[in-house]
């Protein structure tokens, strides 16, 4: 199991799926007291306050280990 990134981010681990204002993201690191995340489907990292993140429930319906579908993600890729 990975170790936490920083003392104040003890609930978050590198590459952990998280939610930021209901949008799926990946926790990357901590920098100057802010969480660095990357939204799913986005290639840019964003700095957000740590308290705005929540852990994503990784158990879907029927006990599967897949994250639940998000309403903010496109169903198909844009060309």
Protein backbone atom coordinates (compact mmCIF):
# COMPACT_ATOMS: atom_id res chain seq x y z
CA UNK A 1 0.00 0.00 0.00
CA UNK A 2 1.27 3.49 -0.80
CA UNK A 3 2.13 5.86 2.00
CA UNK A 4 0.31 9.18 2.36
CA UNK A 5 1.79 12.17 0.55
CA UNK A 6 1.82 14.61 3.47
CA UNK A 7 0.60 14.79 7.07
CA UNK A 8 -2.41 16.98 6.18
CA UNK A 9 -3.31 14.77 3.23
CA UNK A 10 -3.33 11.55 5.26
CA UNK A 11 -6.57 10.43 3.61
CA UNK A 12 -5.20 10.70 0.06
CA UNK A 13 -2.61 8.62 -1.79
CA UNK A 14 -0.77 9.11 -5.07
CA UNK A 15 -2.94 8.22 -8.08
CA UNK A 16 -6.00 7.80 -5.87
CA UNK A 17 -9.36 8.53 -7.53
CA UNK A 18 -11.02 11.51 -5.83
CA UNK A 19 -13.98 13.81 -6.34
CA UNK A 20 -13.69 17.60 -6.63
CA UNK A 21 -17.07 19.36 -6.62
CA UNK A 22 -18.66 16.16 -7.97
CA UNK A 23 -16.16 15.78 -10.80
CA UNK A 24 -13.86 12.75 -10.99
CA UNK A 25 -10.14 13.39 -10.68
CA UNK A 26 -6.85 11.73 -9.72
CA UNK A 27 -4.85 12.95 -6.71
CA UNK A 28 -1.27 13.67 -7.83
CA UNK A 29 0.53 15.46 -4.98
CA UNK A 30 0.54 18.28 -2.44
CA UNK A 31 2.23 21.62 -3.11
CA UNK A 32 2.20 24.64 -0.79
CA UNK A 33 -0.77 23.30 1.14
CA UNK A 34 -2.90 22.70 -1.96
CA UNK A 35 -3.80 19.41 -3.61
CA UNK A 36 -2.63 18.87 -7.18
CA UNK A 37 -5.21 16.87 -9.15
CA UNK A 38 -5.94 15.93 -12.74
CA UNK A 39 -9.55 15.68 -13.86
CA UNK A 40 -10.40 12.47 -15.69
CA UNK A 41 -10.22 13.07 -19.43
CA UNK A 42 -8.06 16.19 -18.96
CA UNK A 43 -4.32 16.40 -19.52
CA UNK A 44 -3.65 19.43 -17.28
CA UNK A 45 -3.00 19.40 -13.54
CA UNK A 46 -4.98 21.75 -11.30
CA UNK A 47 -4.27 23.10 -7.83
CA UNK A 48 -7.29 22.97 -5.50
CA UNK A 49 -7.80 23.38 -1.73
CA UNK A 50 -7.38 20.01 0.00
CA UNK A 51 -10.65 20.39 1.92
CA UNK A 52 -12.62 20.45 -1.38
CA UNK A 53 -11.61 16.85 -2.18
CA UNK A 54 -13.41 13.71 -1.14
CA UNK A 55 -12.57 10.07 -1.59
CA UNK A 56 -14.34 8.27 -4.39
CA UNK A 57 -16.36 5.19 -3.54
CA UNK A 58 -14.62 2.39 -5.44
CA UNK A 59 -17.35 -0.22 -5.05
CA UNK A 60 -20.09 -0.02 -7.64
CA UNK A 61 -23.46 -1.76 -7.74
CA UNK A 62 -23.24 -5.47 -7.02
CA UNK A 63 -19.89 -5.12 -5.23
CA UNK A 64 -17.77 -4.51 -8.35
CA UNK A 65 -14.46 -2.62 -7.93
CA UNK A 66 -15.22 -0.17 -10.76
CA UNK A 67 -15.91 3.45 -9.88
CA UNK A 68 -19.44 4.65 -10.51
CA UNK A 69 -20.17 6.43 -13.77
CA UNK A 70 -19.97 10.21 -13.62
CA UNK A 71 -22.37 12.58 -15.33
CA UNK A 72 -19.57 15.00 -16.27
CA UNK A 73 -17.71 12.53 -18.48
CA UNK A 74 -18.48 12.22 -22.20
CA UNK A 75 -19.69 8.82 -23.34
CA UNK A 76 -17.64 8.96 -26.56
CA UNK A 77 -14.45 10.77 -27.45
CA UNK A 78 -14.62 13.93 -29.47
CA UNK A 79 -12.72 13.95 -32.73
